[in-house]
């Protein structure tokens, strides 16, 4: 049987990101350790995702330079999805600029949002 995560788990073995997780910390629900995850590439239960969030996030960041999955875009709707993502990113930046009272940046971001939205912002 083909194990999709076998190469992935082998890759995790090359990182010694959080050694304390490997030897000491175990999942309070199933009792598995981070070392168990590194050996098999599989968590024991859903609680493991929360228990080992820090070392897994750090390792994923080393592998992919990011911890947010954006996925692939279907060719038919790629432009619309890219525009939606860009709009969401701009709105988040705008909120941050306003919260920091950086009104010059906020004005530029608002103008860009308005241009993308066709003047409806």
C-alpha atoms as a PDB file:
ATOM      1  CA  UNK A   1       0.000   0.000   0.000  1.00  0.00           C
ATOM      2  CA  UNK A   2       1.280   3.466  -0.889  1.00  0.00           C
ATOM      3  CA  UNK A   3       1.925   5.675   2.145  1.00  0.00           C
ATOM      4  CA  UNK A   4       1.575   9.291   1.097  1.00  0.00           C
ATOM      5  CA  UNK A   5       3.359  10.561   4.192  1.00  0.00           C
ATOM      6  CA  UNK A   6       6.311   8.165   4.311  1.00  0.00           C
ATOM      7  CA  UNK A   7       8.705  10.594   2.592  1.00  0.00           C
ATOM      8  CA  UNK A   8       7.211  13.412   4.631  1.00  0.00           C
ATOM      9  CA  UNK A   9       7.922  11.649   7.918  1.00  0.00           C
ATOM     10  CA  UNK A  10      11.458  10.816   6.754  1.00  0.00           C
ATOM     11  CA  UNK A  11      11.948  14.514   6.126  1.00  0.00           C
ATOM     12  CA  UNK A  12      10.861  15.353   9.691  1.00  0.00           C
ATOM     13  CA  UNK A  13      13.581  13.089  11.032  1.00  0.00           C
ATOM     14  CA  UNK A  14      16.194  15.433   9.543  1.00  0.00           C
ATOM     15  CA  UNK A  15      15.082  18.269  11.828  1.00  0.00           C
ATOM     16  CA  UNK A  16      15.828  18.484  15.507  1.00  0.00           C
ATOM     17  CA  UNK A  17      13.537  21.467  15.966  1.00  0.00           C
ATOM     18  CA  UNK A  18      12.279  20.919  19.500  1.00  0.00           C
ATOM     19  CA  UNK A  19      14.227  18.137  21.204  1.00  0.00           C
ATOM     20  CA  UNK A  20      12.233  18.583  24.431  1.00  0.00           C
ATOM     21  CA  UNK A  21       9.103  17.475  22.564  1.00  0.00           C
ATOM     22  CA  UNK A  22      10.787  14.310  21.359  1.00  0.00           C
ATOM     23  CA  UNK A  23      11.706  12.956  24.769  1.00  0.00           C
ATOM     24  CA  UNK A  24       9.342  14.502  27.305  1.00  0.00           C
ATOM     25  CA  UNK A  25       6.044  15.842  26.013  1.00  0.00           C
ATOM     26  CA  UNK A  26       3.282  13.415  25.185  1.00  0.00           C
ATOM     27  CA  UNK A  27      -0.277  13.931  24.044  1.00  0.00           C
ATOM     28  CA  UNK A  28      -2.572  13.997  27.084  1.00  0.00           C
ATOM     29  CA  UNK A  29      -5.272  12.168  25.146  1.00  0.00           C
ATOM     30  CA  UNK A  30      -3.481   9.295  23.402  1.00  0.00           C
ATOM     31  CA  UNK A  31      -0.035   9.303  25.035  1.00  0.00           C
ATOM     32  CA  UNK A  32       1.951   9.489  21.794  1.00  0.00           C
ATOM     33  CA  UNK A  33       5.112  11.586  21.651  1.00  0.00           C
ATOM     34  CA  UNK A  34       6.524  13.884  19.017  1.00  0.00           C
ATOM     35  CA  UNK A  35       9.207  11.243  18.412  1.00  0.00           C
ATOM     36  CA  UNK A  36       6.395   8.807  17.542  1.00  0.00           C
ATOM     37  CA  UNK A  37       5.119  11.304  14.998  1.00  0.00           C
ATOM     38  CA  UNK A  38       8.604  11.711  13.522  1.00  0.00           C
ATOM     39  CA  UNK A  39       8.953   7.943  13.124  1.00  0.00           C
ATOM     40  CA  UNK A  40       5.573   7.306  11.527  1.00  0.00           C
ATOM     41  CA  UNK A  41       4.450  10.653  10.110  1.00  0.00           C
ATOM     42  CA  UNK A  42       1.111  10.094  11.830  1.00  0.00           C
ATOM     43  CA  UNK A  43      -0.489  11.568  14.906  1.00  0.00           C
ATOM     44  CA  UNK A  44      -2.340   9.349  17.356  1.00  0.00           C
ATOM     45  CA  UNK A  45      -5.425  11.545  17.703  1.00  0.00           C
ATOM     46  CA  UNK A  46      -6.857  14.979  16.934  1.00  0.00           C
ATOM     47  CA  UNK A  47      -5.466  16.395  20.206  1.00  0.00           C
ATOM     48  CA  UNK A  48      -1.914  15.727  18.928  1.00  0.00           C
ATOM     49  CA  UNK A  49      -2.297  18.591  16.445  1.00  0.00           C
ATOM     50  CA  UNK A  50      -2.742  21.023  19.320  1.00  0.00           C
ATOM     51  CA  UNK A  51      -0.203  19.376  21.621  1.00  0.00           C
ATOM     52  CA  UNK A  52       2.600  19.442  19.037  1.00  0.00           C
ATOM     53  CA  UNK A  53       1.567  22.639  17.224  1.00  0.00           C
ATOM     54  CA  UNK A  54       4.846  24.504  17.899  1.00  0.00           C
ATOM     55  CA  UNK A  55       7.362  21.948  16.598  1.00  0.00           C
ATOM     56  CA  UNK A  56       5.206  21.012  13.615  1.00  0.00           C
ATOM     57  CA  UNK A  57       4.690  24.669  12.668  1.00  0.00           C
ATOM     58  CA  UNK A  58       8.422  25.357  12.964  1.00  0.00           C
ATOM     59  CA  UNK A  59       9.285  22.354  10.810  1.00  0.00           C
ATOM     60  CA  UNK A  60       6.683  23.246   8.174  1.00  0.00           C
ATOM     61  CA  UNK A  61       8.036  26.781   8.078  1.00  0.00           C
ATOM     62  CA  UNK A  62      11.532  25.377   7.419  1.00  0.00           C
ATOM     63  CA  UNK A  63      10.184  23.174   4.637  1.00  0.00           C
ATOM     64  CA  UNK A  64       7.760  25.578   2.946  1.00  0.00           C
ATOM     65  CA  UNK A  65       8.793  29.017   4.253  1.00  0.00           C
ATOM     66  CA  UNK A  66       5.160  29.460   5.325  1.00  0.00           C
ATOM     67  CA  UNK A  67       2.609  27.753   7.538  1.00  0.00           C
ATOM     68  CA  UNK A  68      -0.507  28.909   5.695  1.00  0.00           C
ATOM     69  CA  UNK A  69      -1.828  26.567   3.014  1.00  0.00           C
ATOM     70  CA  UNK A  70      -3.013  28.429  -0.053  1.00  0.00           C
ATOM     71  CA  UNK A  71      -3.403  25.438  -2.350  1.00  0.00           C
ATOM     72  CA  UNK A  72      -3.449  25.333  -6.096  1.00  0.00           C
ATOM     73  CA  UNK A  73      -5.811  27.459  -8.113  1.00  0.00           C
ATOM     74  CA  UNK A  74      -8.113  25.991 -10.767  1.00  0.00           C
ATOM     75  CA  UNK A  75      -7.307  27.551 -14.140  1.00  0.00           C
ATOM     76  CA  UNK A  76     -10.888  28.723 -14.821  1.00  0.00           C
ATOM     77  CA  UNK A  77     -11.318  30.632 -11.597  1.00  0.00           C
ATOM     78  CA  UNK A  78      -7.707  31.516 -10.873  1.00  0.00           C
ATOM     79  CA  UNK A  79      -8.034  35.236 -11.557  1.00  0.00           C
ATOM     80  CA  UNK A  80     -11.130  35.628  -9.409  1.00  0.00           C
ATOM     81  CA  UNK A  81      -9.570  33.707  -6.526  1.00  0.00           C
ATOM     82  CA  UNK A  82      -6.320  35.653  -6.800  1.00  0.00           C
ATOM     83  CA  UNK A  83      -8.299  38.881  -6.687  1.00  0.00           C
ATOM     84  CA  UNK A  84     -10.271  37.700  -3.639  1.00  0.00           C
ATOM     85  CA  UNK A  85      -7.065  36.740  -1.840  1.00  0.00           C
ATOM     86  CA  UNK A  86      -5.442  40.053  -2.710  1.00  0.00           C
ATOM     87  CA  UNK A  87      -8.532  41.944  -1.519  1.00  0.00           C
ATOM     88  CA  UNK A  88      -8.530  40.052   1.801  1.00  0.00           C
ATOM     89  CA  UNK A  89      -4.808  40.742   2.240  1.00  0.00           C
ATOM     90  CA  UNK A  90      -5.294  44.455   1.508  1.00  0.00           C
ATOM     91  CA  UNK A  91      -8.200  44.714   3.945  1.00  0.00           C
ATOM     92  CA  UNK A  92      -6.121  43.068   6.655  1.00  0.00           C
ATOM     93  CA  UNK A  93      -3.260  45.495   5.978  1.00  0.00           C
ATOM     94  CA  UNK A  94      -5.727  48.392   6.012  1.00  0.00           C
ATOM     95  CA  UNK A  95      -7.096  47.356   9.412  1.00  0.00           C
ATOM     96  CA  UNK A  96      -3.571  47.102  10.775  1.00  0.00           C
ATOM     97  CA  UNK A  97      -2.612  50.519   9.372  1.00  0.00           C
ATOM     98  CA  UNK A  98      -5.693  52.148  10.919  1.00  0.00           C
ATOM     99  CA  UNK A  99      -5.052  50.430  14.267  1.00  0.00           C
ATOM    100  CA  UNK A 100      -1.486  51.762  14.193  1.00  0.00           C
ATOM    101  CA  UNK A 101      -2.791  55.200  13.135  1.00  0.00           C
ATOM    102  CA  UNK A 102      -0.706  55.050   9.948  1.00  0.00           C
ATOM    103  CA  UNK A 103      -3.231  57.015   7.949  1.00  0.00           C
ATOM    104  CA  UNK A 104      -0.964  57.618   4.964  1.00  0.00           C
ATOM    105  CA  UNK A 105      -0.565  53.891   4.386  1.00  0.00           C
ATOM    106  CA  UNK A 106      -4.264  53.374   5.134  1.00  0.00           C
ATOM    107  CA  UNK A 107      -5.197  55.904   2.448  1.00  0.00           C
ATOM    108  CA  UNK A 108      -2.989  54.144  -0.122  1.00  0.00           C
ATOM    109  CA  UNK A 109      -4.449  50.770   0.766  1.00  0.00           C
ATOM    110  CA  UNK A 110      -8.009  52.126   0.614  1.00  0.00           C
ATOM    111  CA  UNK A 111      -7.286  53.561  -2.822  1.00  0.00           C
ATOM    112  CA  UNK A 112      -5.932  50.193  -4.021  1.00  0.00           C
ATOM    113  CA  UNK A 113      -8.956  48.349  -2.597  1.00  0.00           C
ATOM    114  CA  UNK A 114     -11.262  50.816  -4.305  1.00  0.00           C
ATOM    115  CA  UNK A 115      -9.478  50.297  -7.638  1.00  0.00           C
ATOM    116  CA  UNK A 116      -9.764  46.505  -7.383  1.00  0.00           C
ATOM    117  CA  UNK A 117     -13.391  46.703  -6.256  1.00  0.00           C
ATOM    118  CA  UNK A 118     -14.308  48.927  -9.193  1.00  0.00           C
ATOM    119  CA  UNK A 119     -14.982  52.006  -7.078  1.00  0.00           C
ATOM    120  CA  UNK A 120     -17.488  50.279  -4.786  1.00  0.00           C
ATOM    121  CA  UNK A 121     -15.337  50.388  -1.626  1.00  0.00           C
END
